[in-house]
Protein backbone atom coordinates (compact mmCIF):
# COMPACT_ATOMS: atom_id res chain seq x y z
CA MET A 1 -99.49 129.14 135.86
CA SER A 2 -99.82 132.23 133.68
CA LEU A 3 -97.10 134.64 132.60
CA LYS A 4 -96.03 137.03 135.35
CA TYR A 5 -96.05 140.76 134.55
CA LEU A 6 -94.59 143.59 136.61
CA GLU A 7 -97.79 143.79 138.67
CA ASP A 8 -97.34 140.12 139.72
CA LEU A 9 -93.76 140.53 140.99
CA LYS A 10 -92.68 142.32 144.13
CA ALA A 11 -89.68 142.89 146.34
CA GLY A 12 -89.04 139.83 148.47
CA ASP A 13 -90.33 137.34 145.91
CA SER A 14 -87.87 134.54 145.23
CA PHE A 15 -87.55 131.75 142.70
CA GLY A 16 -85.00 129.21 141.59
CA GLY A 17 -83.91 125.73 142.45
CA GLN A 18 -82.80 124.70 139.00
CA ARG A 19 -79.51 122.81 139.02
CA TYR A 20 -76.63 122.06 136.69
CA ALA A 21 -73.83 119.49 137.07
CA VAL A 22 -70.55 120.79 135.76
CA ASP A 23 -69.16 118.30 133.25
CA ARG A 24 -65.34 118.26 133.04
CA ASP A 25 -65.18 117.69 129.26
CA GLU A 26 -67.69 120.49 128.59
CA MET A 27 -65.89 122.85 130.97
CA ILE A 28 -62.48 122.24 129.36
CA GLU A 29 -63.87 122.36 125.81
CA PHE A 30 -65.54 125.72 126.53
CA ALA A 31 -62.30 127.08 128.01
CA ARG A 32 -60.19 125.90 125.05
CA LYS A 33 -62.47 127.77 122.69
CA TRP A 34 -63.34 130.92 124.66
CA ASP A 35 -60.89 131.40 127.58
CA PRO A 36 -57.83 129.20 127.10
CA ARG A 37 -55.86 130.39 130.11
CA PRO A 38 -53.82 127.56 131.60
CA ILE A 39 -55.82 127.40 134.90
CA HIS A 40 -58.98 126.66 132.84
CA VAL A 41 -57.59 123.87 130.66
CA ASP A 42 -54.83 122.17 132.69
CA ASP A 43 -54.97 120.58 136.13
CA GLU A 44 -51.30 121.15 136.78
CA ALA A 45 -51.67 124.90 136.11
CA GLY A 46 -54.72 124.92 138.42
CA ARG A 47 -52.67 123.20 141.15
CA ALA A 48 -49.75 125.60 140.71
CA ALA A 49 -52.18 128.52 141.06
CA GLY A 50 -53.51 127.10 144.32
CA PHE A 51 -56.87 125.81 143.07
CA GLY A 52 -56.06 122.07 143.25
CA CYS A 53 -57.12 121.44 139.65
CA ALA A 54 -58.34 123.26 136.54
CA ILE A 55 -61.22 125.63 137.33
CA ALA A 56 -64.09 126.87 135.19
CA SER A 57 -63.70 130.16 133.38
CA GLY A 58 -65.95 133.01 134.45
CA ALA A 59 -67.50 133.04 130.99
CA TYR A 60 -68.51 129.37 131.36
CA THR A 61 -69.95 129.98 134.81
CA THR A 62 -71.86 132.98 133.46
CA ALA A 63 -73.30 130.83 130.67
CA ILE A 64 -74.54 128.29 133.25
CA PHE A 65 -75.96 131.14 135.35
CA THR A 66 -77.84 132.53 132.33
CA ARG A 67 -79.32 129.14 131.38
CA LEU A 68 -80.46 128.42 134.94
CA ALA A 69 -81.91 131.94 135.29
CA LEU A 70 -84.01 131.39 132.18
CA ALA A 71 -85.13 127.93 133.33
CA SER A 72 -85.95 129.27 136.80
CA ARG A 73 -88.11 132.08 135.42
CA GLU A 74 -89.92 129.54 133.26
CA ALA A 75 -90.47 127.21 136.23
CA ASP A 76 -91.84 130.23 138.15
CA GLY A 77 -94.57 130.57 135.53
CA GLY A 78 -92.63 132.69 133.09
CA HIS A 79 -91.78 136.34 133.50
CA ALA A 80 -92.72 138.85 130.79
CA VAL A 81 -89.08 139.85 130.23
CA ILE A 82 -88.47 142.33 127.44
CA ALA A 83 -84.70 142.82 127.81
CA GLY A 84 -81.81 142.84 130.21
CA LEU A 85 -80.68 146.34 131.22
CA GLY A 86 -77.46 145.59 133.04
CA ALA A 87 -75.73 143.51 135.68
CA SER A 88 -72.85 143.47 138.11
CA MET A 89 -71.34 140.16 139.05
CA ALA A 90 -68.80 138.50 141.30
CA LEU A 91 -67.17 135.09 141.37
CA PRO A 92 -66.24 134.64 145.03
CA ARG A 93 -65.20 130.95 144.75
CA PRO A 94 -63.99 128.81 141.88
CA VAL A 95 -66.18 126.31 140.08
CA ARG A 96 -64.72 122.89 139.43
CA ALA A 97 -65.66 119.89 137.32
CA GLY A 98 -68.20 117.78 139.22
CA ASP A 99 -69.74 120.74 141.08
CA GLU A 100 -73.53 120.79 141.24
CA LEU A 101 -74.66 124.39 140.87
CA GLU A 102 -78.09 125.66 141.98
CA PHE A 103 -79.69 128.97 140.93
CA ARG A 104 -81.57 131.15 143.46
CA ALA A 105 -82.90 134.66 142.96
CA GLU A 106 -84.69 137.31 144.96
CA ILE A 107 -86.44 140.40 143.65
CA LEU A 108 -85.06 143.48 145.40
CA GLU A 109 -87.25 146.05 143.65
CA ALA A 110 -90.12 146.09 141.13
CA ARG A 111 -91.02 149.54 139.83
CA PRO A 112 -92.66 151.15 136.79
CA SER A 113 -90.30 152.33 134.10
CA GLN A 114 -89.87 156.10 133.91
CA SER A 115 -89.48 156.07 130.14
CA ARG A 116 -91.83 153.22 129.07
CA PRO A 117 -95.38 153.19 130.39
CA ASP A 118 -95.83 149.63 129.12
CA ALA A 119 -92.95 148.27 131.21
CA GLY A 120 -91.24 148.19 134.55
CA VAL A 121 -87.82 147.44 135.95
CA LEU A 122 -86.99 144.50 138.17
CA THR A 123 -83.82 144.61 140.22
CA MET A 124 -82.78 141.16 141.36
CA ARG A 125 -79.97 139.52 143.28
CA ALA A 126 -79.23 136.03 142.01
CA ARG A 127 -76.69 133.49 143.04
CA LEU A 128 -75.27 130.14 142.10
CA HIS A 129 -74.52 127.91 145.06
CA ASP A 130 -72.41 124.81 144.84
CA GLN A 131 -73.28 121.44 146.43
CA HIS A 132 -71.78 122.67 149.73
CA GLY A 133 -74.06 125.73 149.82
CA GLU A 134 -71.15 128.08 149.02
CA ILE A 135 -71.82 131.03 146.69
CA VAL A 136 -69.75 130.69 143.50
CA TYR A 137 -71.46 133.37 141.43
CA GLU A 138 -73.46 136.42 142.48
CA SER A 139 -75.16 138.98 140.32
CA THR A 140 -77.37 142.03 140.71
CA THR A 141 -79.37 142.59 137.55
CA SER A 142 -81.84 145.09 136.18
CA THR A 143 -84.41 143.71 133.75
CA LEU A 144 -87.09 145.39 131.69
CA VAL A 145 -90.41 143.56 132.23
CA ALA A 146 -93.78 144.13 130.55
CA ARG A 147 -96.68 145.55 132.50
CA ARG A 148 -99.99 143.72 132.26
CA PRO A 149 -101.74 144.68 129.01
CA GLU A 150 -105.00 146.62 129.33
CA PRO A 151 -108.02 144.45 128.58
CA ALA A 152 -109.50 144.96 125.12
CA ARG A 153 -112.62 147.14 125.11
């Protein structure tokens, strides 16, 4: 499959399916370094907060989301991404060690850039679902994507 440019992507297109198993040691190690709140590093604190155990930090979940988004674009043939432009995100349910997360995305809009004739903007809604099908991470992103180059004359 060849690289997908703006002209190859349209509203309603979807991609994804890549998965990641949340490893407890990795989750705790990440939290100890980057977000050492008690609910992220200690099961007792997670239980006391009503989660039943330690839960993943949002930063860790975002890192998984980012890796799966990249892998999913690659599996879809590769998108001619230039840069991310912005995102909004929500974490409606906690992620726990042992969860199996799956990435899914849908293009909401694909339009030419107003400031760059060589590019366009993709607006996408992407989610991570756990092994029960529950949404644990949701994001709406805007991404700058290259337009198909003109053939050489």
